[in-house]
Amino acid sequence: CPEGLHRWQVRAGADRDPWKNPPCGLWQTGDSFPLGTALEVRCERSMPARFVGIVSVGPSALVLCEVEAYAWRGERSHR
């Protein structure tokens, strides 16, 4: 359903409201990738974040099947 993929963006930061957090990557559209495939969005720079959100601008709701978020901790990080 490409109408559910109008314009969206991943945002990450300290605020629960994703609109208040900085963007992680560019605005995406349904033309960004073929339907039925996975899309990996990487932050262009290191971003400390507690919350990861997806915001959408468009006439309809954003439809997602599955979302996974990963953190890179670097070589010296410990669990």
Protein backbone atom coordinates (compact mmCIF):
# COMPACT_ATOMS: atom_id res chain seq x y z
CA CYS A 1 0.00 0.00 0.00
CA PRO A 2 2.16 2.88 -1.25
CA GLU A 3 -0.35 5.44 0.02
CA GLY A 4 0.80 4.54 3.56
CA LEU A 5 4.38 5.44 2.65
CA HIS A 6 3.95 9.09 1.77
CA ARG A 7 6.81 10.85 3.62
CA TRP A 8 8.43 9.51 6.76
CA GLN A 9 11.60 9.92 8.76
CA VAL A 10 13.36 8.19 11.64
CA ARG A 11 14.21 10.45 14.61
CA ALA A 12 16.21 9.62 17.73
CA GLY A 13 16.91 11.50 20.94
CA ALA A 14 16.03 12.10 24.58
CA ASP A 15 12.43 13.28 24.12
CA ARG A 16 9.39 10.96 24.08
CA ASP A 17 7.94 13.15 21.32
CA PRO A 18 9.78 12.09 18.14
CA TRP A 19 9.12 15.48 16.47
CA LYS A 20 11.35 17.08 19.13
CA ASN A 21 14.29 14.76 18.40
CA PRO A 22 16.85 15.26 15.61
CA PRO A 23 16.45 13.31 12.36
CA CYS A 24 18.38 10.12 11.74
CA GLY A 25 18.72 9.95 7.98
CA LEU A 26 16.76 11.61 5.20
CA TRP A 27 13.02 11.84 4.52
CA GLN A 28 11.85 8.61 2.87
CA THR A 29 8.97 7.96 0.46
CA GLY A 30 7.28 4.90 -1.05
CA ASP A 31 9.62 5.39 -4.01
CA SER A 32 12.67 4.91 -1.74
CA PHE A 33 12.47 1.11 -1.97
CA PRO A 34 10.32 -1.59 -3.60
CA LEU A 35 7.26 -2.74 -1.66
CA GLY A 36 7.77 -5.95 0.28
CA THR A 37 11.47 -5.33 0.93
CA ALA A 38 13.36 -4.26 4.03
CA LEU A 39 14.90 -0.82 4.33
CA GLU A 40 17.82 -0.01 6.60
CA VAL A 41 18.05 3.59 7.81
CA ARG A 42 21.40 4.51 9.35
CA CYS A 43 22.15 7.64 11.31
CA GLU A 44 24.64 9.83 9.48
CA ARG A 45 26.47 10.52 12.73
CA SER A 46 26.67 9.09 16.23
CA MET A 47 23.53 10.04 18.17
CA PRO A 48 22.99 9.38 21.86
CA ALA A 49 19.31 8.50 22.19
CA ARG A 50 16.84 6.97 24.58
CA PHE A 51 13.90 7.03 22.17
CA VAL A 52 13.64 6.13 18.49
CA GLY A 53 10.54 7.20 16.62
CA ILE A 54 9.16 7.33 13.10
CA VAL A 55 7.29 10.44 12.02
CA SER A 56 5.09 10.75 8.97
CA VAL A 57 3.77 13.67 6.95
CA GLY A 58 0.88 12.82 4.69
CA PRO A 59 -2.81 12.29 4.26
CA SER A 60 -2.86 8.74 5.64
CA ALA A 61 -1.35 6.72 8.46
CA LEU A 62 2.08 5.19 8.06
CA VAL A 63 1.81 1.40 7.71
CA LEU A 64 4.77 -0.66 8.99
CA CYS A 65 5.10 -4.42 9.26
CA GLU A 66 8.12 -4.60 11.54
CA VAL A 67 10.59 -2.14 13.06
CA GLU A 68 13.92 -2.99 14.68
CA ALA A 69 16.30 -0.50 16.29
CA TYR A 70 19.95 -1.24 17.06
CA ALA A 71 22.60 0.67 18.97
CA TRP A 72 26.28 0.68 18.17
CA ARG A 73 28.32 0.85 21.38
CA GLY A 74 31.85 0.94 19.96
CA GLU A 75 34.87 -1.22 20.67
CA ARG A 76 35.35 -0.17 24.29
CA SER A 77 31.76 -0.49 25.47
CA HIS A 78 30.78 -3.11 27.98
CA ARG A 79 27.37 -4.54 28.79
